[in-house]
N, C-alpha and C. Protein backbone atom coordinates (compact mmCIF):
# COMPACT_ATOMS: atom_id res chain seq x y z
N UNK A 1 1.08 -1.49 -0.07
CA UNK A 1 0.16 -0.09 -0.26
C UNK A 1 0.77 1.26 -0.10
N UNK A 2 0.93 1.72 -0.96
CA UNK A 2 1.38 3.47 -1.22
C UNK A 2 0.88 5.01 -0.68
N UNK A 3 -0.42 4.61 -0.36
CA UNK A 3 -1.61 6.01 0.29
C UNK A 3 -0.91 5.80 1.56
N UNK A 4 -0.49 7.10 1.67
CA UNK A 4 -0.57 7.40 3.25
C UNK A 4 1.11 7.54 3.63
N UNK A 5 1.74 7.34 2.14
CA UNK A 5 3.33 7.36 2.84
C UNK A 5 3.75 7.85 1.16
N UNK A 6 3.99 6.82 0.60
CA UNK A 6 4.50 7.45 -1.27
C UNK A 6 3.63 8.71 -1.50
N UNK A 7 2.34 8.08 -1.61
CA UNK A 7 1.72 9.29 -2.08
C UNK A 7 -0.12 9.79 -0.83
N UNK A 8 -0.56 10.86 -1.03
CA UNK A 8 -1.43 11.14 -0.56
C UNK A 8 -2.27 11.79 -1.09
N UNK A 9 -3.40 11.23 -1.65
CA UNK A 9 -5.12 11.81 -2.10
C UNK A 9 -5.24 13.13 -0.98
N UNK A 10 -5.02 14.22 -1.44
CA UNK A 10 -5.96 15.21 -1.46
C UNK A 10 -7.03 16.27 -1.49
N UNK A 11 -7.39 15.24 -2.48
CA UNK A 11 -8.86 15.54 -2.76
C UNK A 11 -9.35 14.72 -4.08
N UNK A 12 -11.01 14.42 -3.75
CA UNK A 12 -11.16 13.27 -4.06
C UNK A 12 -12.50 13.06 -4.48
N UNK A 13 -13.03 13.81 -5.50
CA UNK A 13 -14.30 13.67 -5.86
C UNK A 13 -14.65 12.38 -7.20
N UNK A 14 -15.81 12.08 -6.70
CA UNK A 14 -16.50 10.80 -7.46
C UNK A 14 -17.72 11.43 -8.01
N UNK A 15 -18.25 10.86 -9.47
CA UNK A 15 -19.23 11.11 -10.01
C UNK A 15 -19.98 9.70 -10.73
N UNK A 16 -20.99 9.68 -10.81
CA UNK A 16 -21.35 8.23 -11.94
C UNK A 16 -19.79 7.69 -12.50
N UNK A 17 -19.58 6.80 -12.61
CA UNK A 17 -18.38 6.29 -13.49
C UNK A 17 -17.03 7.20 -13.75
N UNK A 18 -17.01 7.99 -12.67
CA UNK A 18 -15.76 8.98 -12.77
C UNK A 18 -14.94 9.30 -11.49
N UNK A 19 -13.79 9.42 -11.51
CA UNK A 19 -13.43 9.57 -9.95
C UNK A 19 -12.36 10.70 -10.09
N UNK A 20 -11.87 11.67 -9.70
CA UNK A 20 -11.32 12.53 -9.93
C UNK A 20 -10.00 13.25 -9.00
N UNK A 21 -9.43 12.65 -9.01
CA UNK A 21 -8.13 13.01 -7.57
C UNK A 21 -7.21 14.13 -7.74
N UNK A 22 -6.96 14.55 -6.46
CA UNK A 22 -5.30 15.10 -7.00
C UNK A 22 -4.45 14.25 -6.07
N UNK A 23 -3.54 14.83 -6.35
CA UNK A 23 -2.53 13.65 -5.33
C UNK A 23 -0.70 14.44 -4.82
N UNK A 24 -0.92 13.97 -3.81
CA UNK A 24 0.93 14.42 -3.07
C UNK A 24 1.73 13.62 -3.11
N UNK A 25 3.00 13.47 -3.75
CA UNK A 25 4.50 12.54 -4.09
C UNK A 25 5.32 13.23 -2.77
N UNK A 26 5.36 11.83 -2.44
CA UNK A 26 6.24 12.32 -0.80
C UNK A 26 7.44 12.08 -1.73
N UNK A 27 8.09 13.77 -1.84
CA UNK A 27 9.54 13.26 -2.53
C UNK A 27 11.07 12.83 -2.05
N UNK A 28 10.07 12.42 -0.36
CA UNK A 28 11.47 12.55 0.20
C UNK A 28 11.32 10.55 0.54
N UNK A 29 10.51 10.40 0.11
CA UNK A 29 10.59 8.38 0.52
C UNK A 29 11.49 7.59 -0.51
N UNK A 30 11.54 6.84 0.65
CA UNK A 30 12.98 5.70 0.36
C UNK A 30 13.05 5.32 -0.47
N UNK A 31 12.09 5.08 -1.43
CA UNK A 31 11.97 4.67 -2.96
C UNK A 31 13.10 5.22 -3.49
N UNK A 32 12.90 6.04 -3.83
CA UNK A 32 13.40 7.30 -4.57
C UNK A 32 15.58 7.42 -4.37
N UNK A 33 15.63 6.37 -2.99
CA UNK A 33 16.97 6.68 -2.39
C UNK A 33 17.69 5.24 -3.67
N UNK A 34 16.69 4.67 -4.23
CA UNK A 34 17.22 3.55 -5.47
C UNK A 34 16.96 3.79 -6.64
N UNK A 35 15.59 4.45 -6.57
CA UNK A 35 14.82 5.11 -7.84
C UNK A 35 14.44 6.38 -8.28
N UNK A 36 15.95 7.15 -8.33
CA UNK A 36 16.97 6.77 -8.71
C UNK A 36 17.88 7.63 -8.30
N UNK A 37 19.30 7.28 -7.53
CA UNK A 37 20.06 8.33 -6.55
C UNK A 37 20.30 9.58 -7.01
N UNK A 38 19.45 10.66 -6.73
CA UNK A 38 19.90 11.90 -6.87
C UNK A 38 19.08 12.39 -8.54
N UNK A 39 18.78 11.52 -8.62
CA UNK A 39 17.60 11.85 -9.29
C UNK A 39 16.29 11.28 -9.78
N UNK A 40 15.21 11.68 -8.68
CA UNK A 40 14.47 10.96 -8.63
C UNK A 40 13.38 10.68 -9.41
N UNK A 41 12.80 9.38 -9.74
CA UNK A 41 11.62 9.07 -10.70
C UNK A 41 10.82 7.90 -10.18
N UNK A 42 9.05 8.71 -10.26
CA UNK A 42 8.51 7.69 -9.66
C UNK A 42 8.46 5.76 -10.87
N UNK A 43 8.69 5.16 -9.91
CA UNK A 43 8.60 3.88 -11.10
C UNK A 43 7.16 3.74 -11.07
N UNK A 44 6.88 3.69 -12.61
CA UNK A 44 5.90 2.80 -13.03
C UNK A 44 4.96 2.12 -13.16
N UNK A 45 5.70 0.86 -11.61
CA UNK A 45 4.75 0.04 -11.13
C UNK A 45 4.10 0.93 -9.92
N UNK A 46 4.62 1.98 -9.72
CA UNK A 46 4.01 2.59 -8.36
C UNK A 46 2.78 3.61 -9.27
N UNK A 47 2.90 4.39 -10.34
CA UNK A 47 1.79 4.58 -10.64
C UNK A 47 0.62 3.56 -11.37
N UNK A 48 1.20 2.63 -11.62
CA UNK A 48 -0.46 1.55 -11.35
C UNK A 48 -0.80 1.12 -10.32
N UNK A 49 -0.38 1.33 -9.13
CA UNK A 49 -0.50 1.12 -7.79
C UNK A 49 -1.66 2.33 -7.46
N UNK A 50 -0.72 3.26 -7.65
CA UNK A 50 -1.59 4.56 -7.54
C UNK A 50 -2.99 4.51 -8.11
N UNK A 51 -3.39 4.01 -9.21
CA UNK A 51 -4.85 3.87 -9.52
C UNK A 51 -5.24 3.52 -8.94
N UNK A 52 -4.96 1.94 -8.39
CA UNK A 52 -5.66 1.03 -7.86
C UNK A 52 -5.80 1.58 -6.85
N UNK A 53 -5.10 2.38 -5.97
CA UNK A 53 -5.65 2.69 -4.65
C UNK A 53 -6.00 3.17 -4.41
N UNK A 54 -5.98 4.62 -5.23
CA UNK A 54 -7.39 5.39 -5.86
C UNK A 54 -8.46 5.10 -5.92
N UNK A 55 -9.21 4.45 -6.87
CA UNK A 55 -10.14 2.87 -6.84
C UNK A 55 -10.76 2.70 -6.13
N UNK A 56 -9.50 2.27 -5.11
CA UNK A 56 -10.19 1.46 -3.72
C UNK A 56 -10.60 2.29 -2.61
N UNK A 57 -10.40 3.15 -3.03
CA UNK A 57 -10.46 4.40 -1.88
C UNK A 57 -11.54 4.68 -2.14
N UNK A 58 -12.07 5.34 -3.50
CA UNK A 58 -13.52 5.82 -3.89
C UNK A 58 -14.40 4.53 -3.59
N UNK A 59 -14.22 3.88 -4.26
CA UNK A 59 -15.10 2.82 -3.87
C UNK A 59 -15.15 1.84 -2.73
N UNK A 60 -14.22 2.22 -2.10
CA UNK A 60 -14.39 1.28 -0.90
C UNK A 60 -14.20 0.04 -0.63
N UNK A 61 -13.34 -0.59 -1.84
CA UNK A 61 -13.38 -1.77 -1.79
C UNK A 61 -11.62 -2.59 -1.98
N UNK A 62 -11.60 -3.82 -1.59
CA UNK A 62 -10.26 -4.29 -2.07
C UNK A 62 -10.33 -4.32 -3.70
N UNK A 63 -9.29 -4.65 -4.61
CA UNK A 63 -9.23 -4.96 -5.97
C UNK A 63 -7.86 -6.19 -5.83
N UNK A 64 -8.07 -6.73 -6.99
CA UNK A 64 -6.56 -7.02 -7.59
C UNK A 64 -6.67 -6.99 -9.08
N UNK A 65 -5.73 -6.44 -9.29
CA UNK A 65 -5.59 -6.37 -11.33
C UNK A 65 -5.53 -7.91 -11.75
N UNK A 66 -6.39 -8.01 -12.62
CA UNK A 66 -6.48 -8.90 -13.93
C UNK A 66 -6.06 -9.25 -14.59
N UNK A 67 -6.00 -7.44 -15.52
CA UNK A 67 -5.27 -7.77 -16.53
C UNK A 67 -5.17 -5.89 -16.80
N UNK A 68 -4.25 -5.98 -17.78
CA UNK A 68 -3.36 -4.31 -18.63
C UNK A 68 -3.85 -4.55 -19.73
N UNK A 69 -4.97 -4.02 -20.46
CA UNK A 69 -4.82 -4.09 -21.85
C UNK A 69 -3.81 -2.90 -22.47
N UNK A 70 -3.42 -2.12 -21.89
CA UNK A 70 -2.72 -0.40 -22.34
C UNK A 70 -1.72 0.08 -21.57
N UNK A 71 -0.72 -0.27 -21.37
CA UNK A 71 -0.14 1.14 -20.49
C UNK A 71 1.28 2.00 -21.28
N UNK A 72 0.81 3.10 -20.72
CA UNK A 72 1.43 4.08 -21.60
C UNK A 72 2.42 4.90 -20.61
N UNK A 73 3.59 4.99 -20.48
CA UNK A 73 4.60 5.48 -19.57
C UNK A 73 4.98 7.10 -20.51
N UNK A 74 4.60 8.43 -21.05
CA UNK A 74 4.59 9.17 -21.21
C UNK A 74 5.83 9.87 -21.22
N UNK A 75 5.79 10.02 -20.00
CA UNK A 75 6.38 11.38 -19.28
C UNK A 75 7.11 11.33 -17.94
N UNK A 76 8.13 11.17 -17.76
CA UNK A 76 9.01 10.90 -15.95
C UNK A 76 8.17 12.24 -15.08
N UNK A 77 7.94 11.13 -13.92
CA UNK A 77 7.49 12.19 -12.87
C UNK A 77 8.84 12.15 -11.78
N UNK A 78 9.02 13.84 -11.84
CA UNK A 78 10.18 13.52 -10.89
C UNK A 78 9.36 14.26 -10.05
N UNK A 79 9.48 13.52 -8.60
CA UNK A 79 8.52 14.41 -7.19
C UNK A 79 9.28 15.52 -7.51
N UNK A 80 10.31 15.88 -7.33
CA UNK A 80 11.17 17.01 -6.53
C UNK A 80 10.41 18.30 -7.58
N UNK A 81 10.27 17.76 -8.94
CA UNK A 81 9.75 19.21 -9.52
C UNK A 81 8.29 19.21 -9.80
N UNK A 82 7.25 18.38 -9.69
CA UNK A 82 5.94 17.70 -9.76
C UNK A 82 5.58 16.49 -8.95
N UNK A 83 5.45 16.60 -7.93
CA UNK A 83 4.83 16.41 -6.64
C UNK A 83 3.08 16.56 -6.56
N UNK A 84 2.87 17.59 -7.29
CA UNK A 84 1.26 17.84 -7.09
C UNK A 84 1.08 17.01 -8.88
N UNK A 85 -0.30 15.94 -8.70
CA UNK A 85 -0.23 15.54 -9.68
C UNK A 85 -2.07 15.36 -9.77
N UNK A 86 -2.60 15.11 -11.04
CA UNK A 86 -3.79 14.47 -11.07
C UNK A 86 -4.35 13.14 -11.83
N UNK A 87 -5.45 12.61 -10.79
CA UNK A 87 -5.88 11.40 -11.33
C UNK A 87 -7.27 11.33 -11.97
N UNK A 88 -7.42 11.06 -13.22
CA UNK A 88 -8.76 10.54 -14.06
C UNK A 88 -8.73 9.14 -13.74
N UNK A 89 -9.73 8.73 -13.33
CA UNK A 89 -10.17 7.32 -13.60
C UNK A 89 -11.56 7.26 -14.02
N UNK A 90 -12.10 6.78 -15.43
CA UNK A 90 -13.40 6.17 -15.93
C UNK A 90 -13.48 4.80 -15.33
N UNK A 91 -14.92 3.90 -15.15
CA UNK A 91 -14.69 2.85 -15.09
C UNK A 91 -16.60 2.37 -14.99
N UNK A 92 -16.18 1.65 -15.10
CA UNK A 92 -17.44 0.58 -15.51
C UNK A 92 -17.46 -0.94 -14.29
N UNK A 93 -18.69 -1.33 -13.86
CA UNK A 93 -18.71 -2.63 -13.15
C UNK A 93 -19.52 -3.08 -13.93
N UNK A 94 -18.99 -4.51 -14.20
CA UNK A 94 -19.20 -5.73 -14.98
C UNK A 94 -20.49 -6.42 -14.32
N UNK A 95 -21.18 -7.37 -15.48
CA UNK A 95 -22.28 -7.68 -14.49
C UNK A 95 -21.44 -9.33 -13.65
N UNK A 96 -20.73 -9.32 -13.75
CA UNK A 96 -19.53 -10.37 -12.86
C UNK A 96 -18.54 -9.37 -11.90
N UNK A 97 -18.29 -8.52 -12.15
CA UNK A 97 -18.64 -7.68 -10.73
C UNK A 97 -17.45 -6.89 -11.01
N UNK A 98 -16.63 -7.33 -11.63
CA UNK A 98 -14.99 -7.18 -12.71
C UNK A 98 -15.41 -5.29 -12.65
N UNK A 99 -14.23 -4.32 -13.04
CA UNK A 99 -14.74 -3.39 -12.68
C UNK A 99 -12.97 -3.17 -14.62
N UNK A 100 -13.61 -2.71 -15.40
CA UNK A 100 -12.84 -1.81 -16.29
C UNK A 100 -12.68 -0.39 -16.05
N UNK A 101 -11.35 -0.16 -16.20
CA UNK A 101 -10.80 1.27 -16.06
C UNK A 101 -9.87 1.75 -16.95
N UNK A 102 -10.24 2.79 -17.18
CA UNK A 102 -9.17 3.81 -18.19
C UNK A 102 -8.84 4.88 -17.21
N UNK A 103 -7.66 4.95 -17.17
CA UNK A 103 -7.55 6.22 -15.75
C UNK A 103 -5.76 6.77 -16.46
N UNK A 104 -5.25 8.18 -16.26
CA UNK A 104 -4.66 8.80 -16.42
C UNK A 104 -3.70 9.74 -15.28
N UNK A 105 -2.74 10.19 -15.30
CA UNK A 105 -1.82 10.84 -14.10
C UNK A 105 -1.62 12.08 -15.11
N UNK A 106 -1.95 13.05 -14.64
CA UNK A 106 -1.39 14.39 -15.55
C UNK A 106 -1.23 15.60 -14.26
N UNK A 107 -0.65 16.36 -15.59
CA UNK A 107 -0.81 18.13 -13.91
C UNK A 107 -1.28 18.93 -15.33
N UNK A 108 -1.10 20.69 -15.12
CA UNK A 108 -1.89 20.98 -16.23
C UNK A 108 -1.09 20.78 -17.37
N UNK A 109 -0.04 20.67 -18.41
CA UNK A 109 0.02 20.78 -19.33
C UNK A 109 0.69 19.50 -20.03
N UNK A 110 0.74 18.62 -18.79
CA UNK A 110 1.60 16.93 -18.54
C UNK A 110 0.96 15.76 -18.48
N UNK A 111 0.98 14.71 -19.79
CA UNK A 111 0.38 14.04 -19.33
C UNK A 111 1.73 12.65 -19.20
N UNK A 112 1.52 11.99 -17.47
CA UNK A 112 2.66 11.19 -17.70
C UNK A 112 2.34 9.38 -17.62
N UNK A 113 1.20 8.72 -18.07
CA UNK A 113 1.06 7.61 -17.02
C UNK A 113 -0.48 7.56 -17.65
N UNK A 114 -0.98 6.87 -18.96
CA UNK A 114 -1.95 6.14 -19.18
C UNK A 114 -2.08 4.81 -19.69
N UNK A 115 -3.26 4.31 -18.94
CA UNK A 115 -3.60 2.69 -18.74
C UNK A 115 -5.26 2.25 -18.89
N UNK A 116 -5.35 1.53 -19.24
CA UNK A 116 -7.17 0.77 -19.78
C UNK A 116 -6.10 -0.70 -18.79
N UNK A 117 -7.43 -0.98 -18.06
CA UNK A 117 -7.27 -2.31 -17.31
C UNK A 117 -8.33 -2.94 -16.93
N UNK A 118 -8.52 -4.09 -15.67
CA UNK A 118 -9.59 -4.50 -15.53
C UNK A 118 -9.37 -5.47 -14.11
N UNK A 119 -9.95 -4.44 -13.34
CA UNK A 119 -9.68 -5.04 -11.70
C UNK A 119 -10.33 -6.57 -11.29
N UNK A 120 -9.88 -6.78 -10.63
CA UNK A 120 -11.65 -7.82 -9.76
C UNK A 120 -11.76 -7.27 -7.79
N UNK A 121 -12.48 -7.44 -7.65
CA UNK A 121 -13.43 -7.52 -6.04
C UNK A 121 -12.41 -8.40 -5.61
N UNK A 122 -11.85 -7.97 -4.01
CA UNK A 122 -11.52 -9.46 -3.93
C UNK A 122 -12.83 -9.46 -2.25
N UNK A 123 -12.50 -10.82 -1.78
CA UNK A 123 -13.81 -10.88 -1.03
C UNK A 123 -13.20 -10.27 0.27
N UNK A 124 -14.56 -9.93 0.57
CA UNK A 124 -14.81 -9.08 2.04
C UNK A 124 -14.34 -9.71 3.17
């Protein structure tokens, strides 16, 4: 779990099928000591996990990634330069309970990450 340590959700708005969140990345987190010393970069796997955790927070469920149809890492996130980013998640809940989503991490002028995927809720 990265929320509350690696990143913080400072704002979260949800409407039918859409989640908008503002995130603050902890630029002093220990992960940046190895990724990469002197030039911190948010790892791609962390971007994926952030999307998953935002969705889980908004829907108050736990999930697992079933498939990732498309992932695009378009621009690096240097948390010392841009530690506040926006997440947009559009989703639909299928009849079998799986959640199809399209998500992006952006700021005012840059798209950092896009993904399409399917999450499955975990039993409570």
